[in-house]
Each structure stands twice: as structure tokens, then as C-alpha cells.
N, C-alpha and C. Protein backbone atom coordinates (compact mmCIF):
# COMPACT_ATOMS: atom_id res chain seq x y z
N MET A 1 0.84 -1.17 0.00
CA MET A 1 0.00 0.00 0.00
C MET A 1 0.89 1.24 0.00
N ILE A 2 0.59 2.15 -0.88
CA ILE A 2 1.35 3.39 -0.99
C ILE A 2 0.43 4.55 -0.61
N GLN A 3 0.91 5.38 0.32
CA GLN A 3 0.19 6.59 0.69
C GLN A 3 1.15 7.76 0.51
N ILE A 4 0.65 8.85 -0.06
CA ILE A 4 1.48 10.02 -0.30
C ILE A 4 0.88 11.20 0.45
N TYR A 5 1.71 11.86 1.26
CA TYR A 5 1.26 12.98 2.07
C TYR A 5 2.16 14.19 1.83
N LYS A 6 1.61 15.36 2.11
CA LYS A 6 2.42 16.58 2.06
C LYS A 6 1.85 17.58 3.05
N SER A 7 2.74 18.22 3.80
CA SER A 7 2.32 19.28 4.71
C SER A 7 1.83 20.45 3.87
N ILE A 8 0.76 21.08 4.32
CA ILE A 8 0.17 22.18 3.56
C ILE A 8 1.12 23.37 3.50
N SER A 9 1.63 23.80 4.66
CA SER A 9 2.58 24.92 4.71
C SER A 9 3.19 24.98 6.11
N GLU A 10 4.15 25.88 6.30
CA GLU A 10 4.73 26.04 7.65
C GLU A 10 3.70 26.63 8.60
N GLN A 11 2.80 27.44 8.09
CA GLN A 11 1.75 28.02 8.94
C GLN A 11 0.66 27.00 9.25
N ASN A 12 0.46 26.04 8.35
CA ASN A 12 -0.55 25.01 8.53
C ASN A 12 0.10 23.64 8.29
N PRO A 13 0.60 23.00 9.36
CA PRO A 13 1.33 21.74 9.18
C PRO A 13 0.44 20.52 8.90
N SER A 14 -0.87 20.72 8.78
CA SER A 14 -1.75 19.59 8.48
C SER A 14 -1.31 18.90 7.20
N LEU A 15 -1.52 17.59 7.16
CA LEU A 15 -1.15 16.83 5.98
C LEU A 15 -2.31 16.73 5.01
N LYS A 16 -1.99 16.86 3.73
CA LYS A 16 -2.98 16.57 2.70
C LYS A 16 -2.54 15.30 1.99
N VAL A 17 -3.51 14.53 1.54
CA VAL A 17 -3.24 13.29 0.82
C VAL A 17 -3.12 13.64 -0.66
N LEU A 18 -2.06 13.12 -1.29
CA LEU A 18 -1.82 13.38 -2.70
C LEU A 18 -2.05 12.12 -3.53
N ASP A 19 -2.40 12.34 -4.80
CA ASP A 19 -2.51 11.24 -5.74
C ASP A 19 -1.22 11.04 -6.53
N ASN A 20 -0.43 12.11 -6.64
CA ASN A 20 0.81 12.07 -7.40
C ASN A 20 1.95 12.63 -6.57
N LEU A 21 3.17 12.30 -6.96
CA LEU A 21 4.34 12.78 -6.25
C LEU A 21 4.56 14.27 -6.49
N GLU A 22 4.97 14.96 -5.44
CA GLU A 22 5.32 16.38 -5.51
C GLU A 22 6.59 16.58 -4.70
N PRO A 23 7.36 17.61 -5.01
CA PRO A 23 8.52 17.92 -4.15
C PRO A 23 8.05 18.18 -2.72
N GLY A 24 8.77 17.66 -1.76
CA GLY A 24 8.44 17.86 -0.35
C GLY A 24 7.41 16.90 0.20
N CYS A 25 7.05 15.88 -0.57
CA CYS A 25 6.04 14.94 -0.07
C CYS A 25 6.70 13.77 0.67
N TRP A 26 5.88 13.08 1.44
CA TRP A 26 6.29 11.88 2.16
C TRP A 26 5.55 10.70 1.53
N ILE A 27 6.29 9.70 1.09
CA ILE A 27 5.71 8.49 0.52
C ILE A 27 5.83 7.40 1.57
N ASN A 28 4.70 6.96 2.10
CA ASN A 28 4.68 5.91 3.12
C ASN A 28 4.23 4.61 2.47
N ILE A 29 5.10 3.61 2.48
CA ILE A 29 4.82 2.34 1.81
C ILE A 29 4.79 1.24 2.87
N VAL A 30 3.66 0.51 2.91
CA VAL A 30 3.48 -0.57 3.88
C VAL A 30 3.16 -1.86 3.13
N ALA A 31 3.90 -2.93 3.45
CA ALA A 31 3.70 -4.25 2.85
C ALA A 31 3.51 -4.15 1.34
N PRO A 32 4.49 -3.61 0.64
CA PRO A 32 4.31 -3.35 -0.79
C PRO A 32 4.44 -4.61 -1.65
N SER A 33 3.81 -4.54 -2.81
CA SER A 33 4.01 -5.58 -3.82
C SER A 33 5.25 -5.22 -4.64
N ASP A 34 5.75 -6.17 -5.39
CA ASP A 34 6.91 -5.90 -6.25
C ASP A 34 6.58 -4.81 -7.27
N GLU A 35 5.34 -4.83 -7.79
CA GLU A 35 4.93 -3.84 -8.78
C GLU A 35 4.94 -2.43 -8.18
N GLU A 36 4.48 -2.30 -6.94
CA GLU A 36 4.49 -0.98 -6.29
C GLU A 36 5.91 -0.48 -6.10
N LEU A 37 6.82 -1.36 -5.71
CA LEU A 37 8.21 -0.96 -5.51
C LEU A 37 8.87 -0.54 -6.82
N ILE A 38 8.60 -1.27 -7.88
CA ILE A 38 9.16 -0.91 -9.19
C ILE A 38 8.62 0.44 -9.64
N LEU A 39 7.33 0.68 -9.43
CA LEU A 39 6.72 1.97 -9.79
C LEU A 39 7.37 3.12 -9.04
N ILE A 40 7.53 2.98 -7.73
CA ILE A 40 8.14 4.05 -6.93
C ILE A 40 9.60 4.25 -7.33
N SER A 41 10.30 3.17 -7.60
CA SER A 41 11.70 3.27 -8.02
C SER A 41 11.81 4.06 -9.32
N LYS A 42 10.93 3.79 -10.27
CA LYS A 42 10.96 4.51 -11.55
C LYS A 42 10.59 5.98 -11.37
N LYS A 43 9.60 6.26 -10.53
CA LYS A 43 9.14 7.65 -10.37
C LYS A 43 10.10 8.51 -9.55
N THR A 44 10.85 7.89 -8.63
CA THR A 44 11.71 8.67 -7.73
C THR A 44 13.20 8.53 -8.03
N GLY A 45 13.57 7.49 -8.76
CA GLY A 45 14.98 7.24 -9.02
C GLY A 45 15.70 6.54 -7.88
N VAL A 46 14.95 6.10 -6.88
CA VAL A 46 15.54 5.39 -5.75
C VAL A 46 15.90 3.96 -6.19
N PRO A 47 17.10 3.50 -5.86
CA PRO A 47 17.46 2.12 -6.22
C PRO A 47 16.46 1.12 -5.63
N LEU A 48 16.07 0.16 -6.44
CA LEU A 48 15.12 -0.86 -6.00
C LEU A 48 15.62 -1.60 -4.77
N SER A 49 16.92 -1.78 -4.67
CA SER A 49 17.49 -2.48 -3.50
C SER A 49 17.22 -1.71 -2.21
N PHE A 50 17.18 -0.37 -2.27
CA PHE A 50 16.86 0.44 -1.10
C PHE A 50 15.41 0.20 -0.67
N LEU A 51 14.51 0.14 -1.65
CA LEU A 51 13.09 -0.05 -1.35
C LEU A 51 12.81 -1.45 -0.82
N LYS A 52 13.59 -2.43 -1.26
CA LYS A 52 13.38 -3.82 -0.83
C LYS A 52 14.08 -4.16 0.48
N ALA A 53 15.01 -3.34 0.91
CA ALA A 53 15.82 -3.64 2.10
C ALA A 53 14.99 -4.00 3.33
N PRO A 54 13.95 -3.25 3.69
CA PRO A 54 13.23 -3.57 4.92
C PRO A 54 12.25 -4.74 4.79
N LEU A 55 12.13 -5.30 3.61
CA LEU A 55 11.19 -6.41 3.42
C LEU A 55 11.76 -7.73 3.90
N ASP A 56 13.05 -7.75 4.19
CA ASP A 56 13.69 -8.91 4.82
C ASP A 56 13.66 -8.66 6.32
N ASP A 57 12.85 -9.43 7.04
CA ASP A 57 12.69 -9.15 8.48
C ASP A 57 13.97 -9.40 9.28
N GLU A 58 15.00 -9.94 8.64
CA GLU A 58 16.29 -10.12 9.30
C GLU A 58 17.29 -9.02 8.93
N GLU A 59 16.85 -8.02 8.18
CA GLU A 59 17.73 -6.92 7.78
C GLU A 59 18.26 -6.20 9.02
N THR A 60 19.55 -5.90 9.01
CA THR A 60 20.15 -5.21 10.15
C THR A 60 20.13 -3.70 9.93
N SER A 61 20.20 -2.98 11.01
CA SER A 61 20.23 -1.52 10.93
C SER A 61 21.50 -1.09 10.21
N ARG A 62 21.34 -0.10 9.33
CA ARG A 62 22.50 0.38 8.57
C ARG A 62 22.17 1.69 7.89
N ILE A 63 23.20 2.33 7.38
CA ILE A 63 23.07 3.55 6.58
C ILE A 63 23.82 3.31 5.28
N ASP A 64 23.24 3.75 4.16
CA ASP A 64 23.87 3.57 2.86
C ASP A 64 23.54 4.79 1.99
N ILE A 65 24.43 5.09 1.07
CA ILE A 65 24.20 6.20 0.13
C ILE A 65 24.47 5.69 -1.28
N GLU A 66 23.55 6.02 -2.19
CA GLU A 66 23.72 5.65 -3.60
C GLU A 66 22.87 6.59 -4.44
N ASP A 67 23.44 7.09 -5.53
CA ASP A 67 22.71 7.95 -6.47
C ASP A 67 21.96 9.09 -5.78
N ASP A 68 22.61 9.81 -4.90
CA ASP A 68 22.00 10.94 -4.18
C ASP A 68 20.81 10.54 -3.32
N CYS A 69 20.74 9.27 -2.94
CA CYS A 69 19.70 8.79 -2.03
C CYS A 69 20.37 8.28 -0.76
N LEU A 70 19.84 8.69 0.37
CA LEU A 70 20.33 8.22 1.66
C LEU A 70 19.35 7.19 2.20
N LEU A 71 19.85 6.02 2.54
CA LEU A 71 19.03 4.96 3.13
C LEU A 71 19.41 4.79 4.59
N VAL A 72 18.41 4.83 5.46
CA VAL A 72 18.59 4.54 6.87
C VAL A 72 17.65 3.38 7.20
N VAL A 73 18.21 2.27 7.65
CA VAL A 73 17.39 1.13 8.06
C VAL A 73 17.52 0.98 9.56
N VAL A 74 16.39 0.97 10.25
CA VAL A 74 16.36 0.79 11.70
C VAL A 74 15.28 -0.23 12.05
N ASP A 75 15.45 -0.90 13.18
CA ASP A 75 14.42 -1.80 13.67
C ASP A 75 13.45 -1.01 14.54
N ILE A 76 12.16 -1.21 14.28
CA ILE A 76 11.16 -0.54 15.10
C ILE A 76 10.38 -1.59 15.89
N PRO A 77 10.01 -1.26 17.12
CA PRO A 77 9.33 -2.24 17.97
C PRO A 77 7.83 -2.34 17.66
N PHE A 78 7.32 -3.55 17.81
CA PHE A 78 5.89 -3.84 17.66
C PHE A 78 5.46 -4.72 18.82
N THR A 79 4.21 -4.60 19.22
CA THR A 79 3.63 -5.54 20.18
C THR A 79 2.54 -6.31 19.45
N GLU A 80 2.41 -7.58 19.80
CA GLU A 80 1.40 -8.44 19.19
C GLU A 80 0.82 -9.35 20.27
N MET A 81 -0.45 -9.70 20.12
CA MET A 81 -1.08 -10.64 21.03
C MET A 81 -0.94 -12.05 20.48
N GLU A 82 -0.37 -12.95 21.28
CA GLU A 82 -0.25 -14.36 20.92
C GLU A 82 -0.67 -15.19 22.12
N ASP A 83 -1.68 -16.02 21.93
CA ASP A 83 -2.15 -16.90 23.01
C ASP A 83 -2.41 -16.13 24.30
N ASN A 84 -3.16 -15.05 24.20
CA ASN A 84 -3.51 -14.19 25.34
C ASN A 84 -2.30 -13.62 26.06
N SER A 85 -1.20 -13.49 25.35
CA SER A 85 0.01 -12.93 25.93
C SER A 85 0.57 -11.88 24.98
N LEU A 86 1.04 -10.79 25.56
CA LEU A 86 1.62 -9.72 24.77
C LEU A 86 3.07 -10.07 24.44
N THR A 87 3.40 -10.10 23.16
CA THR A 87 4.77 -10.38 22.74
C THR A 87 5.36 -9.15 22.06
N TYR A 88 6.66 -9.07 22.10
CA TYR A 88 7.38 -7.94 21.50
C TYR A 88 8.23 -8.45 20.35
N ASP A 89 8.27 -7.67 19.30
CA ASP A 89 9.06 -8.03 18.14
C ASP A 89 9.55 -6.75 17.47
N THR A 90 10.46 -6.88 16.55
CA THR A 90 10.92 -5.72 15.78
C THR A 90 10.85 -6.05 14.30
N TYR A 91 10.67 -5.00 13.51
CA TYR A 91 10.68 -5.11 12.06
C TYR A 91 11.52 -3.97 11.51
N PRO A 92 12.19 -4.21 10.38
CA PRO A 92 12.99 -3.13 9.79
C PRO A 92 12.10 -2.05 9.18
N LEU A 93 12.53 -0.83 9.33
CA LEU A 93 11.91 0.33 8.69
C LEU A 93 12.99 1.00 7.86
N ALA A 94 12.71 1.24 6.59
CA ALA A 94 13.64 1.99 5.75
C ALA A 94 13.14 3.43 5.66
N ILE A 95 14.05 4.35 5.87
CA ILE A 95 13.78 5.77 5.67
C ILE A 95 14.72 6.20 4.56
N ILE A 96 14.15 6.67 3.46
CA ILE A 96 14.95 7.03 2.29
C ILE A 96 14.79 8.52 2.03
N HIS A 97 15.90 9.23 2.06
CA HIS A 97 15.94 10.68 1.87
C HIS A 97 16.44 10.94 0.45
N THR A 98 15.59 11.54 -0.38
CA THR A 98 15.98 11.91 -1.74
C THR A 98 15.99 13.43 -1.84
N GLU A 99 16.37 13.92 -2.99
CA GLU A 99 16.40 15.37 -3.18
C GLU A 99 15.00 15.97 -3.06
N LYS A 100 13.98 15.24 -3.51
CA LYS A 100 12.63 15.81 -3.56
C LYS A 100 11.65 15.23 -2.55
N GLN A 101 11.86 13.98 -2.11
CA GLN A 101 10.90 13.34 -1.22
C GLN A 101 11.60 12.61 -0.09
N ILE A 102 10.76 12.19 0.85
CA ILE A 102 11.20 11.24 1.86
C ILE A 102 10.28 10.03 1.75
N ILE A 103 10.86 8.85 1.84
CA ILE A 103 10.10 7.61 1.65
C ILE A 103 10.32 6.72 2.86
N THR A 104 9.24 6.15 3.38
CA THR A 104 9.35 5.15 4.45
C THR A 104 8.76 3.84 3.92
N VAL A 105 9.44 2.74 4.25
CA VAL A 105 8.99 1.42 3.80
C VAL A 105 9.07 0.46 4.99
N CYS A 106 7.97 -0.27 5.23
CA CYS A 106 7.94 -1.24 6.32
C CYS A 106 6.99 -2.38 5.96
N LEU A 107 7.23 -3.54 6.54
CA LEU A 107 6.36 -4.69 6.30
C LEU A 107 5.00 -4.54 6.98
N LYS A 108 4.97 -3.80 8.09
CA LYS A 108 3.73 -3.64 8.85
C LYS A 108 3.45 -2.16 9.09
N ASN A 109 2.19 -1.86 9.27
CA ASN A 109 1.80 -0.50 9.61
C ASN A 109 2.23 -0.21 11.04
N SER A 110 2.92 0.88 11.23
CA SER A 110 3.49 1.20 12.54
C SER A 110 2.77 2.38 13.18
N ARG A 111 2.52 2.25 14.48
CA ARG A 111 1.91 3.37 15.21
C ARG A 111 2.83 4.59 15.19
N ILE A 112 4.13 4.34 15.14
CA ILE A 112 5.10 5.43 15.11
C ILE A 112 4.82 6.34 13.92
N LEU A 113 4.63 5.76 12.74
CA LEU A 113 4.36 6.57 11.55
C LEU A 113 2.91 7.06 11.51
N THR A 114 2.00 6.28 12.06
CA THR A 114 0.60 6.71 12.12
C THR A 114 0.45 7.99 12.95
N ASP A 115 1.28 8.14 13.97
CA ASP A 115 1.24 9.37 14.77
C ASP A 115 1.55 10.60 13.93
N PHE A 116 2.43 10.48 12.95
CA PHE A 116 2.72 11.60 12.05
C PHE A 116 1.51 11.91 11.18
N VAL A 117 0.88 10.87 10.65
CA VAL A 117 -0.28 11.04 9.78
C VAL A 117 -1.43 11.70 10.54
N ASN A 118 -1.61 11.31 11.80
CA ASN A 118 -2.74 11.80 12.59
C ASN A 118 -2.46 13.10 13.33
N GLY A 119 -1.33 13.73 13.06
CA GLY A 119 -1.03 15.04 13.64
C GLY A 119 -0.62 15.00 15.10
N ARG A 120 -0.12 13.86 15.59
CA ARG A 120 0.27 13.74 16.99
C ARG A 120 1.73 14.10 17.25
N VAL A 121 2.43 14.56 16.22
CA VAL A 121 3.84 14.94 16.36
C VAL A 121 3.96 16.44 16.09
N LYS A 122 4.46 17.17 17.09
CA LYS A 122 4.59 18.62 16.95
C LYS A 122 5.68 18.99 15.96
N SER A 123 5.46 20.09 15.29
CA SER A 123 6.45 20.67 14.36
C SER A 123 6.89 19.68 13.29
N PHE A 124 5.95 18.88 12.80
CA PHE A 124 6.26 17.95 11.71
C PHE A 124 5.85 18.57 10.39
N TYR A 125 6.79 18.60 9.47
CA TYR A 125 6.55 19.08 8.11
C TYR A 125 7.19 18.07 7.16
N SER A 126 6.45 17.59 6.19
CA SER A 126 6.98 16.59 5.27
C SER A 126 8.15 17.12 4.45
N PHE A 127 8.18 18.42 4.22
CA PHE A 127 9.24 19.00 3.39
C PHE A 127 10.52 19.29 4.17
N LYS A 128 10.50 19.16 5.50
CA LYS A 128 11.72 19.29 6.31
C LYS A 128 12.23 17.87 6.57
N LYS A 129 12.87 17.32 5.55
CA LYS A 129 13.18 15.89 5.52
C LYS A 129 14.17 15.45 6.60
N SER A 130 15.22 16.22 6.82
CA SER A 130 16.21 15.83 7.85
C SER A 130 15.57 15.86 9.23
N ARG A 131 14.77 16.88 9.50
CA ARG A 131 14.06 16.95 10.78
C ARG A 131 13.12 15.77 10.93
N PHE A 132 12.44 15.41 9.85
CA PHE A 132 11.51 14.29 9.87
C PHE A 132 12.23 13.00 10.26
N ILE A 133 13.41 12.77 9.69
CA ILE A 133 14.18 11.57 10.05
C ILE A 133 14.51 11.57 11.54
N LEU A 134 14.95 12.70 12.05
CA LEU A 134 15.27 12.79 13.48
C LEU A 134 14.03 12.57 14.34
N GLN A 135 12.88 13.09 13.90
CA GLN A 135 11.64 12.89 14.65
C GLN A 135 11.24 11.41 14.65
N ILE A 136 11.41 10.73 13.53
CA ILE A 136 11.10 9.30 13.48
C ILE A 136 12.01 8.54 14.45
N LEU A 137 13.31 8.83 14.40
CA LEU A 137 14.25 8.16 15.30
C LEU A 137 13.93 8.44 16.77
N SER A 138 13.51 9.65 17.07
CA SER A 138 13.12 9.99 18.44
C SER A 138 11.89 9.19 18.88
N LYS A 139 10.90 9.08 17.99
CA LYS A 139 9.69 8.31 18.32
C LYS A 139 10.03 6.82 18.52
N ILE A 140 10.96 6.29 17.72
CA ILE A 140 11.37 4.90 17.88
C ILE A 140 12.04 4.70 19.23
N SER A 141 12.93 5.61 19.60
CA SER A 141 13.62 5.52 20.89
C SER A 141 12.62 5.56 22.04
N THR A 142 11.66 6.45 21.94
CA THR A 142 10.63 6.56 22.98
C THR A 142 9.82 5.26 23.08
N ALA A 143 9.49 4.67 21.94
CA ALA A 143 8.73 3.41 21.94
C ALA A 143 9.53 2.30 22.63
N TYR A 144 10.81 2.20 22.35
CA TYR A 144 11.64 1.19 23.03
C TYR A 144 11.64 1.42 24.54
N LEU A 145 11.77 2.66 24.97
CA LEU A 145 11.78 2.95 26.41
C LEU A 145 10.46 2.56 27.06
N ILE A 146 9.37 2.82 26.38
CA ILE A 146 8.05 2.46 26.92
C ILE A 146 7.92 0.94 27.03
N TYR A 147 8.36 0.22 26.00
CA TYR A 147 8.24 -1.24 26.00
C TYR A 147 9.17 -1.90 27.02
N LEU A 148 10.25 -1.23 27.38
CA LEU A 148 11.19 -1.80 28.36
C LEU A 148 10.71 -1.63 29.80
N ARG A 149 9.71 -0.82 30.02
CA ARG A 149 9.20 -0.62 31.38
C ARG A 149 8.50 -1.84 31.90
């Protein structure tokens, strides 16, 4: 599933949903098909290997740069109910910083990213890409601390 968002302006940080890519947009990809990944790769110029990296649940955290694209792969925590017991697991999240967009790719829908969509993160703007990466990393750190309690 591909969702494209863009902050309206600095005065109005609300997100609008887009049908097409625009400079400053955030492309959130969850459990994508191969066709969706190929489409995004063609439209953005992001290497297909960057988009596929988080689809291997054993992918390790890393940073890579290729063709003016920055890839950051981190593990994000998830909770799941199994046999009436709460279990903890992690899944890789790819954050890809390009000249025009920021792209997130994950196997599962994450509450961490949903908080950005629902306006629960202060001073979030899709076009401030470096800040957005730091905000995502901060939310991930906070989630780990909560789960460790």
C-alpha cells in the first residue's frame, strides 16, 4: 500500500493526501508488492534495492548512500497478542531521503508513523526531511523505552 502525504505549509502543518508525487512529499509504503516498488523506483529514481531492504525481516540496521539517495534502516518495535500474551518483536523500517521526497517502507503499519499522519507529532513538516528523520528516530527511541518498562 502506498500513501502520499504533504504538509500544507509552515503556517498550517496539516497533511494533505496526494494522488501524485510532488517535491516535499512523504511516501509511506506498507507491505508493498513488487509492482508498487518498481513503480516508486521509476518515479523517484531510488534504487530498487533500497526499497526492498526492509522487506527482509532479518535486515540489520544500517546507513547507505547511492545515487544521491540516503538509506537509513532501523528496527522498530511492535507488540502483538499471541495466546492471550503480549509479545514484543521488531521489524525493519527503511527511511529514504531523496532530493525531492522522503520515503518510508515497512512490512507492517506502525503506530510510530501513524502518529505523524494523525497530527500527533509537533512541528512535523513533510518538506523538512532531515528533521523528519530525526523525529522518526526519536519516536522509535521513545517506543523502546516504553516497552522496556
